[in-house]
Amino acid sequence: MSELLHVSSNPHIRDRQTTRSIMVMVLLALLPTTVFGVFNFGIPALVTIVISVVSSVLTEYCYERLVHKKVTISDCSAAVTGLLLALNLPASVPWWLPILGSIFAILIVKQLFGGLGQNFMNPALAARCFLLIYFTGRMTTFTYDGITGATPLALLKQGESVDIFSMFLGTTAGTIGETSTLAILIGAAFLLWNKIIDLRIPAAYLGSFAIFAVLFGGHGFDMSYLGAQLCGGGLMLGAFFMATDYVTSPITKKGRLIYGCILGILTGIFRIFGNSAEGVSYAIIFSNLLVPLIERITIPKAFGKGGEKS
């Protein structure tokens, strides 16, 4: 029955893009960040990435075979989830942590809710939050150049000075894929050029966060502080690669702007008023839950309906 065509009313929109082609584009866009992460953190980062991607693909394959569903690993969505999860992990995590995270992302968040297109939150970020809650120590221990220490964002929250240029290039402590703003922007430009993502969400996200940081950060319009906040942590990676996830973001233009503003405000609240220096993961997860409501209030009225009666 699952192979039968679904007949619906017009209009019918045809597009050459497929799920596989979009996911391959995302993988290519993540390549600069991935390569830099391996360059920055060495072999441990590469091992974590390989384990996470392979675990995600195997989890999806085994589950779909077990329940006699069509195997969908060829669409590369599981590989994207595994890579995004790995990029959100410290390179120093033990080998079993990306495996556990991948199983949670694919099995619990994605497949048990119906598979691709049915999950209500971003699987990779949901897994990261799960690991942060249960393995806080391992998830917040960062080693760079053989030295274990705090991330620039954590130092900034403590009132210490940071090197913004190093944060932009990525030669700092952090998770595998969040340190290099330059590498992330190169990948984001690739996605925007190929019209894979819409600029509304990241623009509204970064813009609203910047305004929030200026108003409530306690530094006024300090460009050094603002630049460090924008380049630090997972803000850039989240804004361009996870907040724009097709399944868990609004489809309406107004909805995307509202969604982006909510993301920016929540991230600002978590970072500035929360105990942690970070807040992107939780902001995106909470905002994912608001997407149905956002779409409900921003969906355009059908032609010929909703007008005032004479």
Protein backbone atom coordinates (compact mmCIF):
# COMPACT_ATOMS: atom_id res chain seq x y z
CA MET A 1 0.00 0.00 0.00
CA SER A 2 2.86 2.37 0.73
CA GLU A 3 3.87 2.27 -2.95
CA LEU A 4 0.48 3.57 -4.20
CA LEU A 5 0.33 7.06 -5.62
CA HIS A 6 -1.28 9.71 -3.45
CA VAL A 7 -3.86 11.65 -5.45
CA SER A 8 -4.63 15.16 -4.28
CA SER A 9 -6.17 18.33 -5.63
CA ASN A 10 -4.15 20.86 -7.61
CA PRO A 11 -1.97 22.84 -7.76
CA HIS A 12 0.88 20.36 -8.18
CA ILE A 13 4.39 21.74 -7.87
CA ARG A 14 7.24 19.91 -9.56
CA ASP A 15 10.84 20.37 -8.55
CA ARG A 16 14.02 18.69 -9.73
CA GLN A 17 15.36 18.66 -6.20
CA THR A 18 15.01 15.40 -4.31
CA THR A 19 15.60 14.58 -0.66
CA ARG A 20 18.85 12.89 -1.62
CA SER A 21 20.12 15.82 -3.70
CA ILE A 22 19.33 18.29 -0.90
CA MET A 23 21.07 16.13 1.71
CA VAL A 24 24.12 15.72 -0.52
CA MET A 25 24.24 19.53 -0.87
CA VAL A 26 24.14 19.87 2.91
CA LEU A 27 26.94 17.33 3.29
CA LEU A 28 29.04 19.26 0.77
CA ALA A 29 28.30 22.52 2.59
CA LEU A 30 29.45 20.96 5.86
CA LEU A 31 32.70 19.79 4.27
CA PRO A 32 34.71 22.99 5.05
CA THR A 33 33.63 22.88 8.69
CA THR A 34 34.34 19.15 8.92
CA VAL A 35 37.79 19.40 7.33
CA PHE A 36 38.73 22.32 9.55
CA GLY A 37 37.46 20.46 12.62
CA VAL A 38 39.74 17.51 11.83
CA PHE A 39 42.62 19.88 11.12
CA ASN A 40 41.98 21.77 14.35
CA PHE A 41 41.47 18.81 16.71
CA GLY A 42 43.29 16.00 14.93
CA ILE A 43 42.58 12.28 14.72
CA PRO A 44 40.16 12.20 17.72
CA ALA A 45 37.82 14.50 15.79
CA LEU A 46 37.98 12.28 12.70
CA VAL A 47 37.25 9.17 14.78
CA THR A 48 34.25 10.85 16.42
CA ILE A 49 32.87 11.96 13.06
CA VAL A 50 33.24 8.52 11.47
CA ILE A 51 31.68 6.73 14.44
CA SER A 52 28.75 9.16 14.59
CA VAL A 53 27.94 8.98 10.86
CA VAL A 54 28.30 5.19 10.65
CA SER A 55 26.22 4.70 13.82
CA SER A 56 23.41 6.91 12.50
CA VAL A 57 23.26 5.11 9.15
CA LEU A 58 23.40 1.65 10.76
CA THR A 59 20.71 2.55 13.29
CA GLU A 60 18.34 3.65 10.54
CA TYR A 61 19.13 0.60 8.41
CA CYS A 62 18.68 -1.91 11.25
CA TYR A 63 15.45 -0.33 12.49
CA GLU A 64 13.83 -0.21 9.05
CA ARG A 65 14.83 -3.79 8.31
CA LEU A 66 13.56 -4.91 11.70
CA VAL A 67 10.10 -3.37 11.25
CA HIS A 68 9.96 -4.28 7.53
CA LYS A 69 9.94 -0.71 6.29
CA LYS A 70 11.56 0.54 3.12
CA VAL A 71 15.25 1.18 3.81
CA THR A 72 15.89 4.89 3.28
CA ILE A 73 19.58 5.29 4.07
CA SER A 74 20.24 6.13 0.42
CA ASP A 75 18.58 9.54 0.90
CA CYS A 76 21.59 10.53 3.06
CA SER A 77 19.43 12.11 5.77
CA ALA A 78 20.84 9.76 8.41
CA ALA A 79 24.37 10.66 7.33
CA VAL A 80 23.56 14.36 7.70
CA THR A 81 22.17 13.75 11.19
CA GLY A 82 25.27 11.79 12.18
CA LEU A 83 27.61 14.46 10.85
CA LEU A 84 25.74 17.32 12.54
CA LEU A 85 25.76 15.42 15.81
CA ALA A 86 29.50 14.84 15.54
CA LEU A 87 30.15 18.51 14.78
CA ASN A 88 28.29 19.36 17.99
CA LEU A 89 30.51 17.11 20.13
CA PRO A 90 33.90 17.79 21.69
CA ALA A 91 36.68 15.86 19.97
CA SER A 92 37.69 14.36 23.32
CA VAL A 93 34.48 12.43 23.97
CA PRO A 94 34.76 8.62 24.41
CA TRP A 95 33.88 6.46 21.40
CA TRP A 96 30.59 5.23 22.86
CA LEU A 97 29.11 8.71 23.28
CA PRO A 98 28.51 9.42 19.55
CA ILE A 99 27.06 5.91 19.22
CA LEU A 100 24.57 6.57 22.03
CA GLY A 101 23.74 9.97 20.61
CA SER A 102 23.22 8.58 17.11
CA ILE A 103 20.87 5.88 18.36
CA PHE A 104 18.85 8.46 20.29
CA ALA A 105 18.71 10.83 17.31
CA ILE A 106 17.71 8.28 14.69
CA LEU A 107 15.66 5.80 16.70
CA ILE A 108 13.91 7.93 19.32
CA VAL A 109 13.57 11.34 17.69
CA LYS A 110 13.26 10.38 14.03
CA GLN A 111 12.06 6.83 13.39
CA LEU A 112 9.66 6.36 16.31
CA PHE A 113 7.79 9.45 15.13
CA GLY A 114 7.42 8.15 11.58
CA GLY A 115 10.78 8.78 9.93
CA LEU A 116 12.02 11.67 7.83
CA GLY A 117 9.46 14.45 7.65
CA GLN A 118 7.61 13.40 10.80
CA ASN A 119 10.09 14.29 13.55
CA PHE A 120 9.00 17.30 15.61
CA MET A 121 12.49 18.48 16.54
CA ASN A 122 15.97 18.42 15.03
CA PRO A 123 17.33 14.90 15.73
CA ALA A 124 21.00 15.90 16.01
CA LEU A 125 20.31 18.72 18.46
CA ALA A 126 17.86 16.62 20.45
CA ALA A 127 20.62 14.03 20.83
CA ARG A 128 23.12 16.70 21.85
CA CYS A 129 20.76 18.00 24.53
CA PHE A 130 20.18 14.43 25.73
CA LEU A 131 23.92 13.87 26.04
CA LEU A 132 24.41 17.26 27.73
CA ILE A 133 21.86 16.39 30.39
CA TYR A 134 23.16 12.91 31.19
CA PHE A 135 26.88 13.34 30.49
CA THR A 136 27.45 17.00 31.33
CA GLY A 137 31.07 16.59 32.37
CA ARG A 138 32.16 14.80 29.20
CA MET A 139 30.16 17.14 26.96
CA THR A 140 31.63 20.29 28.50
CA THR A 141 35.27 19.23 28.63
CA PHE A 142 37.21 20.81 25.78
CA THR A 143 40.82 20.08 24.88
CA TYR A 144 42.70 22.24 22.40
CA ASP A 145 46.37 21.94 21.51
CA GLY A 146 46.86 19.46 24.34
CA ILE A 147 45.41 21.81 26.97
CA THR A 148 42.03 21.35 28.64
CA GLY A 149 40.25 24.62 29.26
CA ALA A 150 37.17 26.76 28.80
CA THR A 151 35.80 27.89 25.45
CA PRO A 152 36.11 31.56 24.46
CA LEU A 153 32.39 32.02 25.09
CA ALA A 154 32.77 30.71 28.65
CA LEU A 155 35.72 33.05 29.20
CA LEU A 156 33.68 35.95 27.86
CA LYS A 157 30.88 35.18 30.31
CA GLN A 158 33.44 35.24 33.13
CA GLY A 159 34.44 38.76 32.08
CA GLU A 160 37.75 37.82 30.49
CA SER A 161 39.00 39.07 27.13
CA VAL A 162 39.01 36.85 24.04
CA ASP A 163 40.69 36.88 20.65
CA ILE A 164 37.93 37.52 18.10
CA PHE A 165 40.19 36.87 15.12
CA SER A 166 41.03 33.40 16.46
CA MET A 167 37.33 32.78 17.04
CA PHE A 168 36.55 33.80 13.46
CA LEU A 169 39.25 31.52 12.05
CA GLY A 170 38.45 28.73 14.52
CA THR A 171 41.77 28.18 16.28
CA THR A 172 40.09 27.91 19.67
CA ALA A 173 38.55 25.32 22.00
CA GLY A 174 35.01 24.14 21.35
CA THR A 175 33.07 21.38 19.66
CA ILE A 176 34.42 19.91 16.43
CA GLY A 177 32.30 21.99 14.07
CA GLU A 178 31.46 25.19 15.91
CA THR A 179 34.82 26.95 16.20
CA SER A 180 35.44 28.28 12.68
CA THR A 181 32.99 30.99 11.70
CA LEU A 182 34.82 31.33 8.38
CA ALA A 183 34.35 27.67 7.44
CA ILE A 184 30.69 27.77 8.46
CA LEU A 185 30.05 30.90 6.37
CA ILE A 186 31.67 29.29 3.33
CA GLY A 187 29.28 26.35 3.65
CA ALA A 188 26.34 28.66 4.29
CA ALA A 189 27.15 30.67 1.16
CA PHE A 190 27.11 27.42 -0.82
CA LEU A 191 23.64 26.54 0.49
CA LEU A 192 22.30 30.04 -0.17
CA TRP A 193 23.79 30.14 -3.68
CA ASN A 194 22.09 26.84 -4.52
CA LYS A 195 18.84 27.97 -2.85
CA ILE A 196 18.85 25.06 -0.43
CA ILE A 197 18.12 27.31 2.56
CA ASP A 198 16.23 30.58 2.97
CA LEU A 199 18.13 33.56 4.35
CA ARG A 200 15.13 34.71 6.40
CA ILE A 201 15.70 32.33 9.31
CA PRO A 202 19.45 32.89 9.86
CA ALA A 203 19.14 36.64 9.21
CA ALA A 204 16.27 37.02 11.69
CA TYR A 205 18.07 34.74 14.17
CA LEU A 206 21.40 36.55 14.11
CA GLY A 207 19.82 40.00 13.89
CA SER A 208 17.46 39.52 16.82
CA PHE A 209 20.21 37.96 18.91
CA ALA A 210 22.55 40.87 18.15
CA ILE A 211 19.89 43.38 19.22
CA PHE A 212 19.19 41.39 22.40
CA ALA A 213 22.91 41.24 23.23
CA VAL A 214 23.29 45.00 22.74
CA LEU A 215 20.26 45.77 24.92
CA PHE A 216 20.82 43.26 27.72
CA GLY A 217 24.43 42.11 27.47
CA GLY A 218 25.68 44.84 29.78
CA HIS A 219 28.28 46.10 27.27
CA GLY A 220 26.15 48.40 25.15
CA PHE A 221 27.14 48.71 21.52
CA ASP A 222 30.56 47.15 22.08
CA MET A 223 31.58 45.62 18.74
CA SER A 224 34.24 43.42 20.37
CA TYR A 225 31.70 41.87 22.73
CA LEU A 226 29.07 41.56 20.01
CA GLY A 227 31.54 40.00 17.57
CA ALA A 228 32.65 37.48 20.18
CA GLN A 229 29.04 36.55 20.91
CA LEU A 230 28.27 36.06 17.22
CA CYS A 231 31.41 34.03 16.50
CA GLY A 232 31.36 32.07 19.74
CA GLY A 233 29.70 28.75 20.48
CA GLY A 234 27.28 27.09 18.10
CA LEU A 235 25.43 30.20 16.98
CA MET A 236 26.63 30.28 13.37
CA LEU A 237 26.42 26.50 12.91
CA GLY A 238 22.94 26.47 14.43
CA ALA A 239 21.67 29.47 12.48
CA PHE A 240 22.62 28.18 9.03
CA PHE A 241 22.59 24.40 9.34
CA MET A 242 20.11 23.40 12.06
CA ALA A 243 17.57 26.18 12.48
CA THR A 244 16.93 25.94 8.72
CA ASP A 245 16.06 22.22 8.83
CA TYR A 246 13.14 21.74 6.43
CA VAL A 247 11.15 19.45 8.72
CA THR A 248 11.36 21.46 11.93
CA SER A 249 11.16 25.04 10.62
CA PRO A 250 8.13 27.00 9.32
CA ILE A 251 7.18 26.90 5.66
CA THR A 252 5.65 30.39 5.54
CA LYS A 253 7.78 33.48 4.91
CA LYS A 254 6.36 35.42 7.86
CA GLY A 255 6.65 32.31 10.00
CA ARG A 256 10.35 32.01 9.24
CA LEU A 257 10.97 35.58 10.35
CA ILE A 258 9.01 35.06 13.57
CA TYR A 259 10.79 31.75 14.15
CA GLY A 260 14.18 33.39 13.67
CA CYS A 261 13.35 36.19 16.10
CA ILE A 262 12.21 33.70 18.75
CA LEU A 263 15.46 31.81 18.28
CA GLY A 264 17.50 34.97 18.75
CA ILE A 265 15.62 36.03 21.89
CA LEU A 266 15.80 32.58 23.49
CA THR A 267 19.50 32.25 22.71
CA GLY A 268 20.09 35.67 24.26
CA ILE A 269 18.15 34.73 27.39
CA PHE A 270 20.02 31.45 27.80
CA ARG A 271 23.44 32.97 27.19
CA ILE A 272 23.16 36.22 29.10
CA PHE A 273 20.86 35.29 31.97
CA GLY A 274 21.48 31.55 32.18
CA ASN A 275 24.20 29.69 34.04
CA SER A 276 25.70 28.31 30.83
CA ALA A 277 27.60 30.38 28.27
CA GLU A 278 25.84 28.52 25.45
CA GLY A 279 22.16 28.26 24.58
CA VAL A 280 21.77 27.58 20.86
CA SER A 281 20.78 23.91 21.15
CA TYR A 282 18.03 24.51 23.69
CA ALA A 283 16.79 27.59 21.82
CA ILE A 284 16.37 25.63 18.59
CA ILE A 285 14.72 22.66 20.34
CA PHE A 286 12.20 24.90 22.14
CA SER A 287 11.50 26.85 18.96
CA ASN A 288 10.94 23.60 17.04
CA LEU A 289 8.04 22.90 19.39
CA LEU A 290 6.48 26.27 18.52
CA VAL A 291 6.58 25.73 14.74
CA PRO A 292 3.01 24.29 14.44
CA LEU A 293 1.65 27.34 16.29
CA ILE A 294 3.74 29.74 14.19
CA GLU A 295 2.47 28.16 10.97
CA ARG A 296 -1.09 28.22 12.21
CA ILE A 297 -1.06 31.99 12.70
CA THR A 298 0.98 32.82 9.59
CA ILE A 299 -0.49 30.48 6.98
CA PRO A 300 -1.97 32.62 4.17
CA LYS A 301 -5.70 32.39 3.59
CA ALA A 302 -6.84 30.47 0.56
CA PHE A 303 -7.83 32.54 -2.48
CA GLY A 304 -11.44 33.62 -2.20
CA LYS A 305 -11.66 32.92 1.52
CA GLY A 306 -11.22 35.02 4.61
CA GLY A 307 -12.30 38.32 3.12
CA GLU A 308 -14.75 40.66 4.77
CA LYS A 309 -18.37 40.01 3.89
CA SER A 310 -20.29 42.89 2.37
